[in-house]
């Protein structure tokens, strides 16, 4: 059985995942305003993933007999100087998400809350993918520099990204 403290931290993570979704929607809006529709698509899909993550934790807490608490969200950053700036902020954000997931995993391990530890392993694996994706795109943008043709090629590539939702009520 989860401690009240662990339940509270899991609830904070639900709300942080919703905040992350808004953060990525703000990035999508910036990219759309810059006529970079592929980049905008990438961040719209990322926002959908973050909502999925929030709901996965939501359903886990419900399934384990714990109370979900939804809170108001802080406004995300909306202004950026370039698409490279956007991806740098996104990569740093994903590093913060990883730290938060590790914190939850450490709490669950200390409490010997094995079901929660098992559940959080999915998020740990997910964060490896998230950080690698953002790091890779950021490196590409740094190499591209002012090459407009390369930027539009990357924009086209990112425009093909789709969200293929899983069932958020499953815990694997």
Protein backbone atom coordinates (compact mmCIF):
# COMPACT_ATOMS: atom_id res chain seq x y z
CA UNK A 1 0.00 0.00 0.00
CA UNK A 2 1.35 3.40 -0.96
CA UNK A 3 2.13 5.92 1.73
CA UNK A 4 0.28 9.22 1.71
CA UNK A 5 3.55 10.90 0.74
CA UNK A 6 4.05 8.64 -2.29
CA UNK A 7 0.43 9.14 -3.37
CA UNK A 8 0.90 12.91 -3.08
CA UNK A 9 4.06 12.76 -5.21
CA UNK A 10 2.36 10.57 -7.81
CA UNK A 11 -0.44 13.15 -7.97
CA UNK A 12 2.14 15.89 -8.45
CA UNK A 13 3.52 13.89 -11.35
CA UNK A 14 0.08 13.60 -12.96
CA UNK A 15 -0.22 17.37 -12.82
CA UNK A 16 3.34 17.82 -14.07
CA UNK A 17 2.58 15.59 -17.06
CA UNK A 18 -0.44 17.79 -17.86
CA UNK A 19 1.80 20.84 -17.49
CA UNK A 20 4.29 19.18 -19.87
CA UNK A 21 1.50 18.74 -22.40
CA UNK A 22 0.73 22.47 -22.22
CA UNK A 23 4.45 23.27 -22.47
CA UNK A 24 4.68 21.28 -25.70
CA UNK A 25 1.49 22.86 -27.06
CA UNK A 26 3.08 26.27 -26.48
CA UNK A 27 6.09 25.05 -28.46
CA UNK A 28 3.80 23.80 -31.22
CA UNK A 29 2.13 27.21 -31.34
CA UNK A 30 5.51 28.94 -31.64
CA UNK A 31 6.57 26.62 -34.47
CA UNK A 32 3.25 27.07 -36.28
CA UNK A 33 3.65 30.85 -36.04
CA UNK A 34 7.08 30.45 -37.66
CA UNK A 35 5.53 28.44 -40.54
CA UNK A 36 7.32 25.29 -39.38
CA UNK A 37 4.33 22.97 -39.53
CA UNK A 38 6.39 19.78 -39.20
CA UNK A 39 7.95 21.01 -35.97
CA UNK A 40 4.49 22.11 -34.80
CA UNK A 41 3.23 18.59 -35.53
CA UNK A 42 6.12 17.06 -33.59
CA UNK A 43 5.21 19.08 -30.50
CA UNK A 44 1.49 18.46 -30.88
CA UNK A 45 2.19 14.73 -30.88
CA UNK A 46 4.49 15.21 -27.88
CA UNK A 47 1.64 16.97 -26.04
CA UNK A 48 -0.61 13.98 -26.77
CA UNK A 49 2.03 11.66 -25.33
CA UNK A 50 2.27 13.72 -22.15
CA UNK A 51 -1.51 13.55 -21.71
CA UNK A 52 -1.25 9.79 -22.14
CA UNK A 53 1.44 9.65 -19.46
CA UNK A 54 -0.73 11.63 -17.05
CA UNK A 55 -3.67 9.35 -17.65
CA UNK A 56 -1.53 6.25 -17.20
CA UNK A 57 -0.61 7.43 -13.68
CA UNK A 58 -4.24 8.54 -13.11
CA UNK A 59 -5.51 5.02 -13.86
CA UNK A 60 -2.75 3.39 -11.81
CA UNK A 61 -3.64 5.43 -8.75
CA UNK A 62 -7.32 4.59 -9.20
CA UNK A 63 -6.57 0.89 -9.70
CA UNK A 64 -4.56 0.81 -6.49
CA UNK A 65 -7.35 2.43 -4.47
CA UNK A 66 -5.74 5.85 -4.19
CA UNK A 67 -7.31 9.27 -4.72
CA UNK A 68 -6.31 11.32 -7.75
CA UNK A 69 -6.14 15.07 -7.23
CA UNK A 70 -6.03 17.42 -10.19
CA UNK A 71 -4.66 20.90 -9.65
CA UNK A 72 -4.43 24.09 -11.68
CA UNK A 73 -1.53 24.46 -14.05
CA UNK A 74 1.10 27.16 -14.28
CA UNK A 75 1.32 28.91 -17.64
CA UNK A 76 4.16 27.46 -19.74
CA UNK A 77 6.85 29.42 -21.50
CA UNK A 78 5.42 30.77 -24.75
CA UNK A 79 8.25 32.85 -26.18
CA UNK A 80 11.30 31.43 -27.89
CA UNK A 81 14.06 32.91 -30.05
CA UNK A 82 14.42 30.04 -32.53
CA UNK A 83 13.45 26.45 -33.17
CA UNK A 84 16.83 25.48 -31.70
CA UNK A 85 15.88 27.40 -28.54
CA UNK A 86 12.60 25.47 -28.46
CA UNK A 87 14.36 22.11 -28.62
CA UNK A 88 16.95 23.13 -26.06
CA UNK A 89 14.12 24.04 -23.65
CA UNK A 90 12.33 20.78 -24.47
CA UNK A 91 15.46 18.69 -23.88
CA UNK A 92 16.07 20.40 -20.53
CA UNK A 93 12.43 19.79 -19.65
CA UNK A 94 12.75 16.08 -20.42
CA UNK A 95 15.84 15.91 -18.21
CA UNK A 96 13.71 17.40 -15.41
CA UNK A 97 10.98 14.82 -16.06
CA UNK A 98 13.59 12.07 -15.78
CA UNK A 99 14.75 13.41 -12.42
CA UNK A 100 11.14 13.48 -11.20
CA UNK A 101 10.51 9.89 -12.33
CA UNK A 102 13.74 8.74 -10.66
CA UNK A 103 12.64 10.49 -7.46
CA UNK A 104 9.34 8.60 -7.53
CA UNK A 105 11.14 5.33 -8.26
CA UNK A 106 13.52 5.95 -5.35
CA UNK A 107 10.56 6.66 -3.05
CA UNK A 108 8.76 3.50 -4.15
CA UNK A 109 11.92 1.42 -3.63
CA UNK A 110 12.51 2.88 -0.16
CA UNK A 111 8.92 2.09 0.80
CA UNK A 112 9.22 -1.38 -0.69
CA UNK A 113 6.17 -0.53 -2.79
CA UNK A 114 6.84 -3.17 -5.43
CA UNK A 115 3.75 -2.59 -7.57
CA UNK A 116 4.60 1.09 -7.91
CA UNK A 117 8.25 0.27 -8.63
CA UNK A 118 7.18 -2.08 -11.40
CA UNK A 119 4.78 0.52 -12.80
CA UNK A 120 7.43 3.25 -12.78
CA UNK A 121 9.87 1.10 -14.76
CA UNK A 122 7.75 1.83 -17.86
CA UNK A 123 8.32 5.56 -17.31
CA UNK A 124 12.05 5.08 -16.73
CA UNK A 125 12.31 3.28 -20.08
CA UNK A 126 10.16 5.96 -21.71
CA UNK A 127 12.48 8.71 -20.47
CA UNK A 128 15.48 7.06 -22.10
CA UNK A 129 13.63 7.34 -25.41
CA UNK A 130 12.42 10.89 -24.73
CA UNK A 131 15.84 12.27 -23.86
CA UNK A 132 17.48 10.50 -26.80
CA UNK A 133 14.89 11.90 -29.23
CA UNK A 134 15.27 15.49 -28.06
CA UNK A 135 19.05 15.26 -27.85
CA UNK A 136 19.26 13.90 -31.39
CA UNK A 137 17.03 16.60 -32.88
CA UNK A 138 18.86 19.32 -30.96
CA UNK A 139 22.21 18.08 -32.31
CA UNK A 140 20.79 18.10 -35.84
CA UNK A 141 19.58 21.66 -35.39
CA UNK A 142 22.99 22.73 -34.09
CA UNK A 143 24.65 21.18 -37.17
CA UNK A 144 22.09 22.73 -39.51
CA UNK A 145 22.75 26.24 -38.23
CA UNK A 146 21.48 28.76 -40.77
CA UNK A 147 20.96 26.23 -43.58
CA UNK A 148 17.32 26.88 -44.48
CA UNK A 149 17.12 23.92 -46.84
CA UNK A 150 18.23 21.49 -44.15
CA UNK A 151 15.82 23.08 -41.68
CA UNK A 152 12.91 22.50 -44.05
CA UNK A 153 14.02 18.90 -44.66
CA UNK A 154 13.96 18.28 -40.91
CA UNK A 155 10.62 20.08 -40.68
CA UNK A 156 9.25 17.72 -43.33
CA UNK A 157 10.61 14.68 -41.46
CA UNK A 158 9.05 15.76 -38.15
CA UNK A 159 5.74 16.40 -39.88
CA UNK A 160 5.37 12.64 -40.36
CA UNK A 161 5.33 11.87 -36.64
CA UNK A 162 2.07 10.41 -35.33
CA UNK A 163 0.69 9.44 -31.95
CA UNK A 164 -0.41 5.85 -31.65
CA UNK A 165 -2.08 5.66 -28.27
CA UNK A 166 -1.97 2.56 -26.17
CA UNK A 167 -4.51 1.74 -23.52
CA UNK A 168 -3.68 4.04 -20.61
CA UNK A 169 -5.46 1.65 -18.22
CA UNK A 170 -2.84 -1.05 -18.75
CA UNK A 171 0.26 -0.89 -16.63
CA UNK A 172 2.89 -2.38 -18.94
